[in-house]
Amino acid sequence: MPATQGAPPPRTAVLRPGRYPSRPVSLRTRTQTAVARWTAGALVAGAALAGCEYSYDEGWRPAEGAPVAPAVTEPGPPADSWQNDPVSEAGMQAWLTESQVGPGLQVVHRDFGLLRAEEVRTGATAPLSSGTYVLVLVCRSQRRVDFKVRNDEFTMVDLSLLCGTRRESVIYLASETVLRFEVDAQSAANFAYRLSRS
């Protein structure tokens, strides 16, 4: 078998009309071309943006000739509604009614009062039979009021209550138990708690 059989034929260079063989371009020429193109692009963009006008919306304005709304003359909320100052003994019943911790059909223990700053008030229930109870806690003060409820073994409630809110907790007693309450405040405060059978 001849040695040339199966080998590809030799190639010859043929130039097409209008084409020239490529020449190596120097790095300096390439850099100059890139700089020239970038400069031309920046000039075109600058010229295009130079003719733009920017405007900013300074807020909503009523249409010209629109009627002006009358001034509100109704009274707003009372000036002291944002305050949480404690009420006196004379205002206690009204505050209890407003806070919804008054007496009820299933209430087994209830206490309320006015605490001086750093005063601690304690109390205890009579022996309570087993079952489920609902404890409601409220207070009125510029600062938080601390409530603790415990039996002989452990603390069931230990809460620093933000005054102006109402807190309800469910307590389950597995056997006959006496609950002990402790309430204290860092500033003058009204407090109330009510324990009801569920």
N, C-alpha and C. Protein backbone atom coordinates (compact mmCIF):
# COMPACT_ATOMS: atom_id res chain seq x y z
N MET A 1 0.86 -1.16 0.00
CA MET A 1 0.00 0.00 0.00
C MET A 1 0.90 1.23 0.00
N PRO A 2 0.57 2.20 -0.93
CA PRO A 2 1.41 3.39 -0.98
C PRO A 2 1.25 4.21 0.30
N ALA A 3 2.26 5.00 0.63
CA ALA A 3 2.28 5.79 1.86
C ALA A 3 1.31 6.94 1.81
N THR A 4 0.92 7.40 0.61
CA THR A 4 0.05 8.56 0.51
C THR A 4 -1.42 8.21 0.55
N GLN A 5 -1.72 6.97 0.55
CA GLN A 5 -3.13 6.59 0.52
C GLN A 5 -3.77 6.87 1.87
N GLY A 6 -4.95 7.55 1.86
CA GLY A 6 -5.68 7.89 3.07
C GLY A 6 -5.21 9.17 3.73
N ALA A 7 -4.13 9.79 3.30
CA ALA A 7 -3.65 11.04 3.90
C ALA A 7 -4.37 12.21 3.25
N PRO A 8 -4.66 13.29 3.98
CA PRO A 8 -5.36 14.43 3.39
C PRO A 8 -4.46 15.12 2.36
N PRO A 9 -5.10 15.70 1.34
CA PRO A 9 -4.30 16.38 0.32
C PRO A 9 -3.65 17.63 0.92
N PRO A 10 -2.49 18.02 0.41
CA PRO A 10 -1.85 19.22 0.94
C PRO A 10 -2.68 20.45 0.61
N ARG A 11 -2.68 21.44 1.56
CA ARG A 11 -3.46 22.66 1.38
C ARG A 11 -2.58 23.74 0.79
N THR A 12 -3.25 24.57 -0.01
CA THR A 12 -2.54 25.71 -0.57
C THR A 12 -3.33 26.95 -0.21
N ALA A 13 -2.63 28.02 0.08
CA ALA A 13 -3.28 29.27 0.46
C ALA A 13 -3.82 29.95 -0.77
N VAL A 14 -5.11 30.32 -0.70
CA VAL A 14 -5.74 31.04 -1.80
C VAL A 14 -6.32 32.32 -1.24
N LEU A 15 -5.97 33.46 -1.78
CA LEU A 15 -6.50 34.73 -1.33
C LEU A 15 -7.75 35.05 -2.11
N ARG A 16 -8.81 35.45 -1.41
CA ARG A 16 -10.03 35.86 -2.07
C ARG A 16 -9.93 37.33 -2.43
N PRO A 17 -10.67 37.73 -3.45
CA PRO A 17 -10.59 39.13 -3.83
C PRO A 17 -11.10 40.03 -2.71
N GLY A 18 -10.46 41.16 -2.46
CA GLY A 18 -10.87 42.12 -1.45
C GLY A 18 -10.39 41.80 -0.05
N ARG A 19 -9.68 40.70 0.15
CA ARG A 19 -9.18 40.33 1.47
C ARG A 19 -7.68 40.33 1.47
N TYR A 20 -7.15 40.71 2.60
CA TYR A 20 -5.70 40.76 2.74
C TYR A 20 -5.31 39.88 3.91
N PRO A 21 -4.16 39.34 3.84
CA PRO A 21 -3.74 38.51 4.98
C PRO A 21 -3.64 39.38 6.24
N SER A 22 -4.01 38.79 7.42
CA SER A 22 -3.98 39.54 8.67
C SER A 22 -2.56 39.81 9.08
N ARG A 23 -2.39 41.04 9.67
CA ARG A 23 -1.08 41.43 10.15
C ARG A 23 -1.16 41.54 11.66
N PRO A 24 -0.13 41.24 12.36
CA PRO A 24 -0.16 41.42 13.80
C PRO A 24 -0.28 42.90 14.14
N VAL A 25 -1.22 43.22 15.13
CA VAL A 25 -1.44 44.59 15.56
C VAL A 25 -0.73 44.78 16.89
N SER A 26 0.00 45.86 17.02
CA SER A 26 0.77 46.07 18.24
C SER A 26 -0.15 46.43 19.41
N LEU A 27 0.30 46.23 20.63
CA LEU A 27 -0.44 46.54 21.84
C LEU A 27 -0.68 48.05 21.94
N ARG A 28 0.24 48.84 21.51
CA ARG A 28 0.10 50.29 21.55
C ARG A 28 -1.05 50.75 20.66
N THR A 29 -1.19 50.15 19.50
CA THR A 29 -2.26 50.51 18.58
C THR A 29 -3.61 50.12 19.18
N ARG A 30 -3.69 48.96 19.78
CA ARG A 30 -4.93 48.51 20.39
C ARG A 30 -5.34 49.46 21.53
N THR A 31 -4.40 49.86 22.37
CA THR A 31 -4.69 50.76 23.48
C THR A 31 -5.17 52.11 22.97
N GLN A 32 -4.53 52.64 21.95
CA GLN A 32 -4.93 53.92 21.38
C GLN A 32 -6.35 53.85 20.82
N THR A 33 -6.67 52.73 20.16
CA THR A 33 -8.01 52.56 19.60
C THR A 33 -9.06 52.51 20.72
N ALA A 34 -8.78 51.78 21.79
CA ALA A 34 -9.73 51.67 22.91
C ALA A 34 -9.95 53.01 23.57
N VAL A 35 -8.89 53.78 23.78
CA VAL A 35 -9.01 55.10 24.40
C VAL A 35 -9.83 56.03 23.51
N ALA A 36 -9.58 55.98 22.22
CA ALA A 36 -10.31 56.84 21.28
C ALA A 36 -11.81 56.48 21.29
N ARG A 37 -12.14 55.20 21.31
CA ARG A 37 -13.54 54.78 21.33
C ARG A 37 -14.21 55.20 22.63
N TRP A 38 -13.53 55.03 23.76
CA TRP A 38 -14.10 55.40 25.06
C TRP A 38 -14.35 56.91 25.12
N THR A 39 -13.39 57.70 24.64
CA THR A 39 -13.53 59.16 24.65
C THR A 39 -14.70 59.59 23.78
N ALA A 40 -14.84 58.98 22.61
CA ALA A 40 -15.95 59.33 21.72
C ALA A 40 -17.29 58.98 22.37
N GLY A 41 -17.36 57.82 23.04
CA GLY A 41 -18.60 57.43 23.72
C GLY A 41 -18.95 58.37 24.85
N ALA A 42 -17.94 58.79 25.63
CA ALA A 42 -18.18 59.72 26.73
C ALA A 42 -18.67 61.07 26.21
N LEU A 43 -18.11 61.53 25.10
CA LEU A 43 -18.54 62.80 24.52
C LEU A 43 -19.98 62.74 24.03
N VAL A 44 -20.35 61.62 23.40
CA VAL A 44 -21.72 61.46 22.91
C VAL A 44 -22.69 61.42 24.09
N ALA A 45 -22.36 60.66 25.13
CA ALA A 45 -23.25 60.58 26.30
C ALA A 45 -23.37 61.92 27.00
N GLY A 46 -22.26 62.65 27.13
CA GLY A 46 -22.31 63.97 27.76
C GLY A 46 -23.15 64.94 26.97
N ALA A 47 -23.03 64.89 25.64
CA ALA A 47 -23.84 65.79 24.81
C ALA A 47 -25.32 65.46 24.93
N ALA A 48 -25.64 64.17 25.02
CA ALA A 48 -27.04 63.76 25.12
C ALA A 48 -27.64 64.19 26.46
N LEU A 49 -26.86 64.07 27.56
CA LEU A 49 -27.36 64.44 28.88
C LEU A 49 -27.38 65.94 29.12
N ALA A 50 -26.58 66.68 28.36
CA ALA A 50 -26.52 68.12 28.58
C ALA A 50 -27.85 68.79 28.25
N GLY A 51 -28.62 68.21 27.35
CA GLY A 51 -29.89 68.80 26.98
C GLY A 51 -31.05 68.37 27.85
N CYS A 52 -30.82 67.46 28.84
CA CYS A 52 -31.91 66.97 29.69
C CYS A 52 -32.23 67.99 30.77
N GLU A 53 -33.49 68.06 31.13
CA GLU A 53 -33.93 68.94 32.21
C GLU A 53 -34.52 68.06 33.30
N TYR A 54 -34.06 68.26 34.52
CA TYR A 54 -34.55 67.48 35.64
C TYR A 54 -35.57 68.29 36.43
N SER A 55 -36.61 67.60 36.88
CA SER A 55 -37.58 68.26 37.75
C SER A 55 -37.87 67.32 38.90
N TYR A 56 -38.10 67.88 40.07
CA TYR A 56 -38.34 67.09 41.27
C TYR A 56 -39.72 67.41 41.81
N ASP A 57 -40.42 66.36 42.25
CA ASP A 57 -41.73 66.54 42.83
C ASP A 57 -41.55 66.96 44.28
N GLU A 58 -42.05 68.11 44.64
CA GLU A 58 -41.88 68.63 46.00
C GLU A 58 -43.07 68.30 46.89
N GLY A 59 -43.86 67.36 46.49
CA GLY A 59 -44.99 66.98 47.31
C GLY A 59 -46.30 67.28 46.61
N TRP A 60 -47.36 66.77 47.21
CA TRP A 60 -48.69 66.93 46.62
C TRP A 60 -49.19 68.34 46.84
N ARG A 61 -49.80 68.88 45.82
CA ARG A 61 -50.43 70.21 45.91
C ARG A 61 -51.85 70.09 45.39
N PRO A 62 -52.79 70.75 46.04
CA PRO A 62 -54.16 70.69 45.54
C PRO A 62 -54.26 71.43 44.21
N ALA A 63 -55.21 70.99 43.41
CA ALA A 63 -55.43 71.65 42.13
C ALA A 63 -55.86 73.09 42.37
N GLU A 64 -55.48 73.96 41.46
CA GLU A 64 -55.85 75.37 41.60
C GLU A 64 -57.37 75.49 41.51
N GLY A 65 -57.92 76.27 42.38
CA GLY A 65 -59.37 76.48 42.38
C GLY A 65 -60.13 75.42 43.17
N ALA A 66 -59.42 74.44 43.74
CA ALA A 66 -60.10 73.40 44.52
C ALA A 66 -60.59 74.02 45.83
N PRO A 67 -61.76 73.58 46.32
CA PRO A 67 -62.27 74.14 47.58
C PRO A 67 -61.38 73.73 48.75
N VAL A 68 -61.24 74.61 49.71
CA VAL A 68 -60.43 74.35 50.90
C VAL A 68 -61.32 73.72 51.96
N ALA A 69 -60.83 72.63 52.57
CA ALA A 69 -61.61 71.95 53.61
C ALA A 69 -61.72 72.84 54.85
N PRO A 70 -62.87 72.82 55.51
CA PRO A 70 -63.02 73.64 56.72
C PRO A 70 -62.16 73.09 57.85
N ALA A 71 -61.79 73.94 58.77
CA ALA A 71 -60.98 73.53 59.92
C ALA A 71 -61.81 72.64 60.83
N VAL A 72 -61.19 71.66 61.43
CA VAL A 72 -61.87 70.75 62.35
C VAL A 72 -62.06 71.47 63.68
N THR A 73 -63.29 71.52 64.13
CA THR A 73 -63.58 72.23 65.38
C THR A 73 -64.03 71.29 66.49
N GLU A 74 -64.12 69.98 66.19
CA GLU A 74 -64.53 69.05 67.24
C GLU A 74 -63.40 68.87 68.24
N PRO A 75 -63.72 68.70 69.50
CA PRO A 75 -62.65 68.53 70.48
C PRO A 75 -61.98 67.17 70.31
N GLY A 76 -60.69 67.13 70.55
CA GLY A 76 -59.94 65.89 70.47
C GLY A 76 -60.06 65.12 71.77
N PRO A 77 -59.24 64.10 71.92
CA PRO A 77 -59.28 63.34 73.17
C PRO A 77 -58.83 64.22 74.33
N PRO A 78 -59.23 63.89 75.54
CA PRO A 78 -58.82 64.68 76.70
C PRO A 78 -57.31 64.78 76.78
N ALA A 79 -56.84 65.86 77.34
CA ALA A 79 -55.39 66.11 77.40
C ALA A 79 -54.66 65.05 78.21
N ASP A 80 -55.34 64.41 79.18
CA ASP A 80 -54.65 63.43 80.03
C ASP A 80 -54.86 61.99 79.57
N SER A 81 -55.43 61.78 78.38
CA SER A 81 -55.71 60.41 77.95
C SER A 81 -54.43 59.61 77.73
N TRP A 82 -53.34 60.25 77.41
CA TRP A 82 -52.08 59.54 77.19
C TRP A 82 -51.39 59.22 78.51
N GLN A 83 -51.81 59.86 79.56
CA GLN A 83 -51.17 59.62 80.85
C GLN A 83 -51.74 58.36 81.49
N ASN A 84 -51.02 57.83 82.41
CA ASN A 84 -51.46 56.64 83.12
C ASN A 84 -51.29 56.85 84.62
N ASP A 85 -51.60 58.05 85.05
CA ASP A 85 -51.45 58.37 86.47
C ASP A 85 -52.47 57.58 87.29
N PRO A 86 -52.09 57.13 88.48
CA PRO A 86 -53.05 56.39 89.31
C PRO A 86 -54.20 57.29 89.78
N VAL A 87 -55.34 56.65 89.99
CA VAL A 87 -56.51 57.39 90.48
C VAL A 87 -56.53 57.31 92.00
N SER A 88 -57.28 58.21 92.61
CA SER A 88 -57.39 58.23 94.07
C SER A 88 -58.38 57.15 94.52
N GLU A 89 -58.52 57.00 95.82
CA GLU A 89 -59.48 56.02 96.36
C GLU A 89 -60.89 56.34 95.88
N ALA A 90 -61.20 57.63 95.72
CA ALA A 90 -62.54 58.02 95.27
C ALA A 90 -62.82 57.57 93.84
N GLY A 91 -61.79 57.50 93.00
CA GLY A 91 -61.99 57.09 91.60
C GLY A 91 -61.75 55.63 91.35
N MET A 92 -61.50 54.86 92.42
CA MET A 92 -61.15 53.45 92.27
C MET A 92 -62.26 52.62 91.65
N GLN A 93 -63.51 52.78 92.13
CA GLN A 93 -64.60 51.96 91.60
C GLN A 93 -64.83 52.21 90.11
N ALA A 94 -64.72 53.46 89.69
CA ALA A 94 -64.89 53.77 88.27
C ALA A 94 -63.77 53.12 87.45
N TRP A 95 -62.54 53.12 87.97
CA TRP A 95 -61.42 52.51 87.25
C TRP A 95 -61.60 50.99 87.18
N LEU A 96 -62.07 50.37 88.26
CA LEU A 96 -62.29 48.92 88.25
C LEU A 96 -63.36 48.54 87.22
N THR A 97 -64.43 49.35 87.15
CA THR A 97 -65.48 49.08 86.17
C THR A 97 -64.94 49.23 84.76
N GLU A 98 -64.17 50.27 84.53
CA GLU A 98 -63.58 50.51 83.20
C GLU A 98 -62.61 49.39 82.83
N SER A 99 -61.87 48.88 83.80
CA SER A 99 -60.89 47.81 83.55
C SER A 99 -61.51 46.43 83.51
N GLN A 100 -62.78 46.32 83.82
CA GLN A 100 -63.54 45.06 83.79
C GLN A 100 -62.97 44.02 84.76
N VAL A 101 -62.66 44.46 85.97
CA VAL A 101 -62.23 43.52 87.01
C VAL A 101 -63.12 43.65 88.24
N GLY A 102 -64.36 44.00 88.02
CA GLY A 102 -65.31 44.09 89.13
C GLY A 102 -65.72 42.70 89.59
N PRO A 103 -66.64 42.64 90.54
CA PRO A 103 -67.09 41.34 91.05
C PRO A 103 -67.86 40.58 89.96
N GLY A 104 -67.82 39.26 90.05
CA GLY A 104 -68.54 38.42 89.09
C GLY A 104 -69.09 37.20 89.79
N LEU A 105 -69.84 36.39 89.04
CA LEU A 105 -70.49 35.22 89.64
C LEU A 105 -69.50 34.17 90.09
N GLN A 106 -68.44 33.95 89.33
CA GLN A 106 -67.50 32.87 89.64
C GLN A 106 -66.22 33.36 90.33
N VAL A 107 -66.20 34.60 90.82
CA VAL A 107 -64.99 35.15 91.43
C VAL A 107 -64.76 34.49 92.79
N VAL A 108 -63.54 33.94 92.98
CA VAL A 108 -63.20 33.29 94.25
C VAL A 108 -62.25 34.13 95.09
N HIS A 109 -61.55 35.07 94.44
CA HIS A 109 -60.65 35.95 95.19
C HIS A 109 -60.41 37.20 94.35
N ARG A 110 -60.34 38.35 95.04
CA ARG A 110 -60.17 39.62 94.34
C ARG A 110 -59.51 40.61 95.30
N ASP A 111 -58.62 41.47 94.74
CA ASP A 111 -58.02 42.52 95.55
C ASP A 111 -57.66 43.68 94.63
N PHE A 112 -57.62 44.87 95.19
CA PHE A 112 -57.27 46.07 94.43
C PHE A 112 -56.84 47.12 95.42
N GLY A 113 -56.21 48.18 94.92
CA GLY A 113 -55.81 49.25 95.82
C GLY A 113 -54.85 50.21 95.16
N LEU A 114 -54.31 51.09 96.00
CA LEU A 114 -53.36 52.11 95.59
C LEU A 114 -52.04 51.83 96.30
N LEU A 115 -50.97 51.67 95.52
CA LEU A 115 -49.64 51.43 96.09
C LEU A 115 -48.83 52.71 96.07
N ARG A 116 -48.08 52.93 97.13
CA ARG A 116 -47.11 54.02 97.12
C ARG A 116 -45.83 53.51 96.44
N ALA A 117 -44.93 54.40 96.10
CA ALA A 117 -43.68 53.99 95.45
C ALA A 117 -42.93 52.99 96.33
N GLU A 118 -42.49 51.90 95.75
CA GLU A 118 -41.73 50.83 96.38
C GLU A 118 -42.49 50.10 97.48
N GLU A 119 -43.80 50.22 97.50
CA GLU A 119 -44.61 49.47 98.46
C GLU A 119 -44.88 48.07 97.91
N VAL A 120 -44.96 47.10 98.82
CA VAL A 120 -45.27 45.71 98.45
C VAL A 120 -46.55 45.32 99.16
N ARG A 121 -47.50 44.79 98.40
CA ARG A 121 -48.77 44.35 98.97
C ARG A 121 -48.85 42.84 98.79
N THR A 122 -49.25 42.12 99.86
CA THR A 122 -49.39 40.67 99.79
C THR A 122 -50.81 40.27 100.15
N GLY A 123 -51.18 39.09 99.71
CA GLY A 123 -52.50 38.56 100.02
C GLY A 123 -52.52 37.07 99.73
N ALA A 124 -53.56 36.40 100.22
CA ALA A 124 -53.68 34.96 100.01
C ALA A 124 -55.15 34.59 99.88
N THR A 125 -55.40 33.51 99.15
CA THR A 125 -56.76 33.02 98.99
C THR A 125 -57.08 32.06 100.13
N ALA A 126 -58.35 31.77 100.27
CA ALA A 126 -58.75 30.64 101.10
C ALA A 126 -58.36 29.38 100.32
N PRO A 127 -58.35 28.20 100.95
CA PRO A 127 -58.02 26.99 100.19
C PRO A 127 -58.97 26.83 98.99
N LEU A 128 -58.35 26.64 97.81
CA LEU A 128 -59.11 26.50 96.55
C LEU A 128 -59.15 25.05 96.14
N SER A 129 -60.30 24.59 95.69
CA SER A 129 -60.41 23.20 95.22
C SER A 129 -59.71 23.05 93.88
N SER A 130 -59.45 21.82 93.49
CA SER A 130 -58.78 21.58 92.21
C SER A 130 -59.67 22.05 91.06
N GLY A 131 -59.03 22.42 89.97
CA GLY A 131 -59.78 22.88 88.81
C GLY A 131 -59.02 23.97 88.06
N THR A 132 -59.72 24.57 87.10
CA THR A 132 -59.12 25.60 86.26
C THR A 132 -59.66 26.96 86.68
N TYR A 133 -58.74 27.94 86.77
CA TYR A 133 -59.08 29.30 87.18
C TYR A 133 -58.51 30.29 86.16
N VAL A 134 -59.15 31.44 86.09
CA VAL A 134 -58.66 32.52 85.22
C VAL A 134 -58.27 33.69 86.10
N LEU A 135 -57.02 34.14 85.94
CA LEU A 135 -56.50 35.27 86.70
C LEU A 135 -56.42 36.48 85.79
N VAL A 136 -57.02 37.60 86.20
CA VAL A 136 -56.97 38.85 85.44
C VAL A 136 -56.14 39.85 86.24
N LEU A 137 -55.16 40.49 85.57
CA LEU A 137 -54.29 41.47 86.21
C LEU A 137 -54.38 42.79 85.45
N VAL A 138 -54.51 43.90 86.18
CA VAL A 138 -54.48 45.24 85.57
C VAL A 138 -53.75 46.18 86.51
N CYS A 139 -53.25 47.28 85.94
CA CYS A 139 -52.62 48.31 86.78
C CYS A 139 -52.71 49.66 86.08
N ARG A 140 -52.46 50.68 86.84
CA ARG A 140 -52.47 52.05 86.30
C ARG A 140 -51.34 52.81 86.98
N SER A 141 -50.28 53.11 86.20
CA SER A 141 -49.11 53.79 86.73
C SER A 141 -48.25 54.26 85.56
N GLN A 142 -47.31 55.13 85.84
CA GLN A 142 -46.37 55.56 84.81
C GLN A 142 -45.29 54.51 84.56
N ARG A 143 -45.16 53.56 85.47
CA ARG A 143 -44.15 52.50 85.32
C ARG A 143 -44.84 51.15 85.44
N ARG A 144 -44.10 50.11 85.21
CA ARG A 144 -44.65 48.75 85.31
C ARG A 144 -44.92 48.37 86.76
N VAL A 145 -45.83 47.42 86.92
CA VAL A 145 -46.15 46.88 88.24
C VAL A 145 -45.87 45.38 88.19
N ASP A 146 -45.23 44.85 89.24
CA ASP A 146 -44.85 43.44 89.28
C ASP A 146 -45.89 42.63 90.05
N PHE A 147 -46.33 41.54 89.44
CA PHE A 147 -47.29 40.61 90.05
C PHE A 147 -46.63 39.25 90.18
N LYS A 148 -46.78 38.63 91.34
CA LYS A 148 -46.30 37.26 91.55
C LYS A 148 -47.41 36.46 92.20
N VAL A 149 -47.62 35.24 91.72
CA VAL A 149 -48.62 34.32 92.29
C VAL A 149 -47.91 32.99 92.48
N ARG A 150 -47.99 32.44 93.68
CA ARG A 150 -47.31 31.17 93.93
C ARG A 150 -48.12 30.31 94.90
N ASN A 151 -47.83 29.04 94.87
CA ASN A 151 -48.38 28.14 95.88
C ASN A 151 -47.22 27.71 96.77
N ASP A 152 -47.38 26.65 97.53
CA ASP A 152 -46.32 26.22 98.44
C ASP A 152 -45.09 25.70 97.72
N GLU A 153 -45.26 25.25 96.46
CA GLU A 153 -44.15 24.59 95.75
C GLU A 153 -43.42 25.49 94.77
N PHE A 154 -44.14 26.26 93.97
CA PHE A 154 -43.48 27.04 92.93
C PHE A 154 -44.29 28.28 92.56
N THR A 155 -43.64 29.15 91.77
CA THR A 155 -44.27 30.38 91.32
C THR A 155 -45.05 30.10 90.03
N MET A 156 -46.30 30.45 90.02
CA MET A 156 -47.14 30.21 88.85
C MET A 156 -47.16 31.41 87.91
N VAL A 157 -47.11 32.62 88.47
CA VAL A 157 -47.10 33.84 87.67
C VAL A 157 -46.02 34.76 88.23
N ASP A 158 -45.17 35.27 87.34
CA ASP A 158 -44.15 36.25 87.70
C ASP A 158 -44.08 37.21 86.53
N LEU A 159 -44.78 38.34 86.67
CA LEU A 159 -45.01 39.22 85.52
C LEU A 159 -44.78 40.67 85.90
N SER A 160 -44.05 41.38 85.05
CA SER A 160 -43.90 42.83 85.17
C SER A 160 -44.84 43.42 84.12
N LEU A 161 -45.99 43.88 84.57
CA LEU A 161 -47.06 44.28 83.66
C LEU A 161 -46.94 45.74 83.24
N LEU A 162 -47.02 45.98 81.95
CA LEU A 162 -47.07 47.33 81.40
C LEU A 162 -48.47 47.87 81.68
N CYS A 163 -48.54 48.94 82.44
CA CYS A 163 -49.85 49.46 82.83
C CYS A 163 -50.59 50.03 81.64
N GLY A 164 -51.91 49.93 81.71
CA GLY A 164 -52.75 50.32 80.58
C GLY A 164 -53.16 49.11 79.76
N THR A 165 -52.58 47.94 80.06
CA THR A 165 -52.95 46.70 79.38
C THR A 165 -53.62 45.78 80.39
N ARG A 166 -54.26 44.76 79.89
CA ARG A 166 -54.97 43.79 80.74
C ARG A 166 -54.38 42.42 80.44
N ARG A 167 -54.04 41.67 81.47
CA ARG A 167 -53.42 40.36 81.28
C ARG A 167 -54.29 39.29 81.90
N GLU A 168 -54.56 38.25 81.13
CA GLU A 168 -55.32 37.10 81.64
C GLU A 168 -54.44 35.87 81.57
N SER A 169 -54.43 35.09 82.64
CA SER A 169 -53.66 33.85 82.69
C SER A 169 -54.58 32.74 83.18
N VAL A 170 -54.36 31.56 82.66
CA VAL A 170 -55.12 30.38 83.10
C VAL A 170 -54.25 29.60 84.07
N ILE A 171 -54.82 29.26 85.22
CA ILE A 171 -54.10 28.51 86.25
C ILE A 171 -54.88 27.22 86.51
N TYR A 172 -54.17 26.10 86.45
CA TYR A 172 -54.79 24.80 86.76
C TYR A 172 -54.25 24.30 88.09
N LEU A 173 -55.15 23.96 88.99
CA LEU A 173 -54.78 23.42 90.30
C LEU A 173 -55.14 21.94 90.33
N ALA A 174 -54.13 21.10 90.58
CA ALA A 174 -54.36 19.65 90.59
C ALA A 174 -54.97 19.17 91.91
N SER A 175 -54.78 19.94 92.95
CA SER A 175 -55.33 19.57 94.26
C SER A 175 -55.68 20.84 95.02
N GLU A 176 -56.25 20.68 96.20
CA GLU A 176 -56.61 21.85 96.99
C GLU A 176 -55.34 22.66 97.30
N THR A 177 -55.42 23.97 97.04
CA THR A 177 -54.23 24.82 97.11
C THR A 177 -54.59 26.20 97.65
N VAL A 178 -53.65 26.80 98.36
CA VAL A 178 -53.75 28.21 98.75
C VAL A 178 -52.79 28.98 97.86
N LEU A 179 -53.28 30.01 97.18
CA LEU A 179 -52.43 30.85 96.33
C LEU A 179 -52.06 32.11 97.09
N ARG A 180 -50.80 32.51 96.97
CA ARG A 180 -50.31 33.72 97.61
C ARG A 180 -49.95 34.75 96.54
N PHE A 181 -50.39 35.98 96.76
CA PHE A 181 -50.19 37.06 95.80
C PHE A 181 -49.22 38.08 96.37
N GLU A 182 -48.40 38.65 95.48
CA GLU A 182 -47.50 39.73 95.86
C GLU A 182 -47.49 40.75 94.72
N VAL A 183 -47.72 42.01 95.09
CA VAL A 183 -47.77 43.09 94.09
C VAL A 183 -46.84 44.19 94.59
N ASP A 184 -45.96 44.68 93.69
CA ASP A 184 -45.13 45.81 94.07
C ASP A 184 -44.90 46.72 92.88
N ALA A 185 -44.60 47.99 93.18
CA ALA A 185 -44.41 49.00 92.13
C ALA A 185 -43.28 49.93 92.53
N GLN A 186 -42.57 50.45 91.53
CA GLN A 186 -41.48 51.39 91.78
C GLN A 186 -41.98 52.83 91.91
N SER A 187 -43.19 53.08 91.43
CA SER A 187 -43.80 54.40 91.57
C SER A 187 -45.25 54.21 91.96
N ALA A 188 -45.94 55.28 92.33
CA ALA A 188 -47.34 55.17 92.75
C ALA A 188 -48.15 54.46 91.67
N ALA A 189 -49.04 53.56 92.09
CA ALA A 189 -49.78 52.75 91.11
C ALA A 189 -51.09 52.26 91.70
N ASN A 190 -52.07 52.08 90.81
CA ASN A 190 -53.28 51.32 91.14
C ASN A 190 -53.05 49.90 90.64
N PHE A 191 -53.56 48.94 91.36
CA PHE A 191 -53.47 47.55 90.90
C PHE A 191 -54.80 46.88 91.18
N ALA A 192 -55.06 45.83 90.44
CA ALA A 192 -56.24 45.01 90.69
C ALA A 192 -55.97 43.63 90.12
N TYR A 193 -56.45 42.62 90.84
CA TYR A 193 -56.43 41.27 90.27
C TYR A 193 -57.67 40.55 90.71
N ARG A 194 -58.11 39.61 89.86
CA ARG A 194 -59.33 38.86 90.11
C ARG A 194 -59.11 37.43 89.67
N LEU A 195 -59.43 36.49 90.56
CA LEU A 195 -59.31 35.07 90.25
C LEU A 195 -60.71 34.47 90.17
N SER A 196 -61.04 33.90 89.03
CA SER A 196 -62.37 33.34 88.81
C SER A 196 -62.26 31.88 88.43
N ARG A 197 -63.28 31.11 88.82
CA ARG A 197 -63.32 29.71 88.40
C ARG A 197 -63.75 29.67 86.94
N SER A 198 -63.06 28.85 86.17
CA SER A 198 -63.34 28.77 84.74
C SER A 198 -64.48 27.80 84.46
